[in-house]
N, C-alpha and C. Protein backbone atom coordinates (compact mmCIF):
# COMPACT_ATOMS: atom_id res chain seq x y z
N MET A 1 2.94 -22.84 -3.11
CA MET A 1 1.51 -22.90 -3.31
C MET A 1 1.22 -22.67 -4.79
N ASP A 2 0.39 -23.51 -5.36
CA ASP A 2 0.08 -23.37 -6.79
C ASP A 2 -0.98 -22.30 -7.03
N VAL A 3 -1.16 -21.96 -8.28
CA VAL A 3 -2.06 -20.86 -8.65
C VAL A 3 -3.51 -21.16 -8.28
N PHE A 4 -3.90 -22.42 -8.29
CA PHE A 4 -5.28 -22.75 -7.97
C PHE A 4 -5.56 -22.60 -6.48
N GLU A 5 -4.60 -22.95 -5.66
CA GLU A 5 -4.75 -22.74 -4.21
C GLU A 5 -4.79 -21.24 -3.91
N LEU A 6 -3.93 -20.46 -4.57
CA LEU A 6 -3.97 -19.01 -4.41
C LEU A 6 -5.31 -18.45 -4.88
N ALA A 7 -5.82 -18.95 -5.98
CA ALA A 7 -7.12 -18.49 -6.49
C ALA A 7 -8.22 -18.78 -5.47
N ARG A 8 -8.18 -19.94 -4.83
CA ARG A 8 -9.16 -20.26 -3.79
C ARG A 8 -9.06 -19.28 -2.64
N ARG A 9 -7.84 -18.93 -2.26
CA ARG A 9 -7.65 -17.97 -1.17
C ARG A 9 -8.14 -16.58 -1.56
N TYR A 10 -7.89 -16.15 -2.80
CA TYR A 10 -8.42 -14.87 -3.26
C TYR A 10 -9.95 -14.89 -3.20
N HIS A 11 -10.54 -16.01 -3.59
CA HIS A 11 -11.99 -16.15 -3.54
C HIS A 11 -12.50 -16.08 -2.10
N ASP A 12 -11.89 -16.85 -1.22
CA ASP A 12 -12.35 -16.94 0.17
C ASP A 12 -12.02 -15.69 0.99
N GLU A 13 -10.78 -15.22 0.90
CA GLU A 13 -10.32 -14.16 1.79
C GLU A 13 -10.62 -12.76 1.27
N LEU A 14 -10.66 -12.58 -0.04
CA LEU A 14 -10.92 -11.25 -0.60
C LEU A 14 -12.25 -11.18 -1.33
N SER A 15 -13.01 -12.26 -1.27
CA SER A 15 -14.36 -12.30 -1.84
C SER A 15 -14.42 -11.97 -3.32
N ILE A 16 -13.42 -12.41 -4.07
CA ILE A 16 -13.50 -12.30 -5.53
C ILE A 16 -14.37 -13.46 -5.98
N LYS A 17 -15.59 -13.14 -6.35
CA LYS A 17 -16.61 -14.18 -6.59
C LYS A 17 -16.38 -14.98 -7.87
N GLU A 18 -16.03 -14.30 -8.93
CA GLU A 18 -15.86 -14.96 -10.23
C GLU A 18 -14.59 -15.80 -10.23
N PRO A 19 -14.67 -17.12 -10.46
CA PRO A 19 -13.48 -17.97 -10.44
C PRO A 19 -12.38 -17.53 -11.40
N SER A 20 -12.76 -17.09 -12.58
CA SER A 20 -11.73 -16.67 -13.53
C SER A 20 -11.00 -15.42 -13.04
N MET A 21 -11.70 -14.54 -12.33
CA MET A 21 -11.07 -13.33 -11.80
C MET A 21 -10.13 -13.66 -10.64
N SER A 22 -10.53 -14.59 -9.79
CA SER A 22 -9.64 -14.96 -8.68
C SER A 22 -8.41 -15.68 -9.21
N THR A 23 -8.57 -16.46 -10.28
CA THR A 23 -7.41 -17.11 -10.90
C THR A 23 -6.51 -16.08 -11.55
N MET A 24 -7.10 -15.09 -12.20
CA MET A 24 -6.30 -14.03 -12.82
C MET A 24 -5.53 -13.25 -11.76
N ALA A 25 -6.16 -12.95 -10.63
CA ALA A 25 -5.48 -12.25 -9.54
C ALA A 25 -4.31 -13.08 -9.02
N ALA A 26 -4.53 -14.38 -8.88
CA ALA A 26 -3.46 -15.27 -8.41
C ALA A 26 -2.30 -15.32 -9.39
N GLU A 27 -2.61 -15.35 -10.68
CA GLU A 27 -1.55 -15.38 -11.70
C GLU A 27 -0.77 -14.07 -11.73
N PHE A 28 -1.46 -12.95 -11.66
CA PHE A 28 -0.79 -11.65 -11.75
C PHE A 28 -0.01 -11.29 -10.49
N PHE A 29 -0.60 -11.53 -9.32
CA PHE A 29 -0.05 -10.99 -8.08
C PHE A 29 0.51 -12.04 -7.13
N GLY A 30 0.36 -13.32 -7.43
CA GLY A 30 0.83 -14.34 -6.50
C GLY A 30 0.14 -14.13 -5.16
N ASP A 31 0.90 -14.17 -4.08
CA ASP A 31 0.29 -13.97 -2.77
C ASP A 31 0.38 -12.52 -2.29
N LEU A 32 0.84 -11.60 -3.13
CA LEU A 32 1.00 -10.20 -2.73
C LEU A 32 -0.32 -9.58 -2.27
N GLY A 33 -1.37 -9.74 -3.03
CA GLY A 33 -2.67 -9.17 -2.65
C GLY A 33 -3.16 -9.72 -1.33
N LEU A 34 -2.94 -11.01 -1.10
CA LEU A 34 -3.35 -11.64 0.15
C LEU A 34 -2.53 -11.12 1.33
N LYS A 35 -1.23 -10.93 1.12
CA LYS A 35 -0.37 -10.41 2.19
C LYS A 35 -0.72 -8.97 2.53
N ILE A 36 -1.04 -8.17 1.51
CA ILE A 36 -1.44 -6.78 1.76
C ILE A 36 -2.74 -6.76 2.55
N ALA A 37 -3.71 -7.57 2.17
CA ALA A 37 -4.99 -7.62 2.89
C ALA A 37 -4.78 -8.08 4.33
N GLU A 38 -3.92 -9.07 4.52
CA GLU A 38 -3.63 -9.57 5.87
C GLU A 38 -3.00 -8.48 6.73
N PHE A 39 -2.05 -7.73 6.16
CA PHE A 39 -1.42 -6.63 6.89
C PHE A 39 -2.45 -5.57 7.27
N LEU A 40 -3.28 -5.19 6.30
CA LEU A 40 -4.29 -4.16 6.56
C LEU A 40 -5.27 -4.59 7.65
N LYS A 41 -5.68 -5.85 7.61
CA LYS A 41 -6.59 -6.35 8.65
C LYS A 41 -5.91 -6.30 10.02
N GLY A 42 -4.63 -6.61 10.07
CA GLY A 42 -3.87 -6.53 11.32
C GLY A 42 -3.77 -5.11 11.85
N GLU A 43 -3.86 -4.13 10.96
CA GLU A 43 -3.79 -2.71 11.34
C GLU A 43 -5.17 -2.13 11.63
N GLY A 44 -6.20 -2.96 11.58
CA GLY A 44 -7.54 -2.50 11.93
C GLY A 44 -8.40 -2.08 10.75
N TYR A 45 -7.93 -2.29 9.53
CA TYR A 45 -8.73 -1.97 8.34
C TYR A 45 -9.58 -3.18 7.98
N ALA A 46 -10.67 -2.93 7.29
CA ALA A 46 -11.52 -4.01 6.80
C ALA A 46 -11.58 -3.93 5.28
N VAL A 47 -11.34 -5.05 4.62
CA VAL A 47 -11.48 -5.11 3.17
C VAL A 47 -12.95 -5.36 2.89
N VAL A 48 -13.61 -4.38 2.26
CA VAL A 48 -15.05 -4.49 2.05
C VAL A 48 -15.42 -4.91 0.63
N ASN A 49 -14.50 -4.74 -0.31
CA ASN A 49 -14.81 -5.11 -1.69
C ASN A 49 -13.51 -5.24 -2.47
N THR A 50 -13.53 -6.06 -3.48
CA THR A 50 -12.42 -6.15 -4.42
C THR A 50 -13.00 -6.18 -5.82
N LYS A 51 -12.29 -5.60 -6.76
CA LYS A 51 -12.78 -5.58 -8.14
C LYS A 51 -11.61 -5.36 -9.09
N PHE A 52 -11.82 -5.75 -10.34
CA PHE A 52 -10.88 -5.42 -11.40
C PHE A 52 -11.43 -4.19 -12.10
N VAL A 53 -10.59 -3.17 -12.21
CA VAL A 53 -11.00 -1.94 -12.89
C VAL A 53 -11.12 -2.22 -14.37
N ASP A 54 -10.21 -2.98 -14.89
CA ASP A 54 -10.20 -3.36 -16.29
C ASP A 54 -9.53 -4.72 -16.36
N TYR A 55 -9.35 -5.21 -17.53
CA TYR A 55 -8.68 -6.50 -17.67
C TYR A 55 -7.20 -6.32 -17.93
N ASP A 56 -6.68 -5.17 -17.51
CA ASP A 56 -5.27 -4.86 -17.75
C ASP A 56 -4.46 -4.95 -16.46
N LYS A 57 -4.62 -6.03 -15.75
CA LYS A 57 -3.80 -6.33 -14.59
C LYS A 57 -3.97 -5.35 -13.44
N SER A 58 -5.18 -4.94 -13.12
CA SER A 58 -5.45 -4.01 -12.03
C SER A 58 -6.48 -4.59 -11.07
N LEU A 59 -6.10 -4.70 -9.81
CA LEU A 59 -7.00 -5.17 -8.77
C LEU A 59 -7.16 -4.04 -7.76
N VAL A 60 -8.41 -3.71 -7.43
CA VAL A 60 -8.68 -2.64 -6.49
C VAL A 60 -9.24 -3.25 -5.21
N LEU A 61 -8.64 -2.87 -4.09
CA LEU A 61 -9.14 -3.27 -2.77
C LEU A 61 -9.82 -2.06 -2.16
N ASP A 62 -11.09 -2.16 -1.84
CA ASP A 62 -11.80 -1.12 -1.11
C ASP A 62 -11.69 -1.46 0.36
N ILE A 63 -11.15 -0.51 1.13
CA ILE A 63 -10.93 -0.78 2.56
C ILE A 63 -11.53 0.36 3.39
N THR A 64 -11.84 0.06 4.63
CA THR A 64 -12.36 1.06 5.55
C THR A 64 -11.66 0.92 6.89
N LYS A 65 -11.64 2.04 7.60
CA LYS A 65 -11.21 2.05 9.00
C LYS A 65 -11.97 3.19 9.64
N GLY A 66 -12.83 2.83 10.57
CA GLY A 66 -13.71 3.84 11.14
C GLY A 66 -14.63 4.37 10.07
N GLU A 67 -14.67 5.70 9.93
CA GLU A 67 -15.51 6.31 8.90
C GLU A 67 -14.75 6.58 7.61
N ASN A 68 -13.47 6.27 7.58
CA ASN A 68 -12.64 6.53 6.40
C ASN A 68 -12.74 5.37 5.41
N ILE A 69 -12.82 5.73 4.13
CA ILE A 69 -12.89 4.74 3.05
C ILE A 69 -11.72 5.00 2.10
N PHE A 70 -11.02 3.93 1.72
CA PHE A 70 -9.86 4.05 0.84
C PHE A 70 -9.94 3.01 -0.27
N GLU A 71 -9.21 3.27 -1.35
CA GLU A 71 -9.02 2.30 -2.41
C GLU A 71 -7.51 2.09 -2.59
N ILE A 72 -7.11 0.86 -2.68
CA ILE A 72 -5.73 0.52 -2.98
C ILE A 72 -5.74 -0.24 -4.31
N THR A 73 -4.97 0.25 -5.25
CA THR A 73 -4.92 -0.39 -6.56
C THR A 73 -3.60 -1.12 -6.73
N LEU A 74 -3.69 -2.40 -7.05
CA LEU A 74 -2.51 -3.18 -7.39
C LEU A 74 -2.49 -3.30 -8.91
N ARG A 75 -1.40 -2.88 -9.51
CA ARG A 75 -1.29 -2.96 -10.97
C ARG A 75 0.05 -3.57 -11.31
N LYS A 76 0.00 -4.63 -12.09
CA LYS A 76 1.24 -5.26 -12.52
C LYS A 76 1.73 -4.55 -13.77
N SER A 77 2.98 -4.14 -13.74
CA SER A 77 3.52 -3.42 -14.91
C SER A 77 4.51 -4.27 -15.67
């Protein structure tokens, strides 16, 4: 899968609205972020928001399960 198809999936599945941000996520993480979100959804978590903390290769997934709220940060080193 090419980076543009991955960017579309980041946009659609993780609601990264800005096209350049979804492309950046696809370039940095490949399908890792999508696989993590898919796993979490299978475990009953809901991804409620995604954001870049900074422009230094960090993607944050805000997730919930019941009344619990969590943040998962993906950072490419």
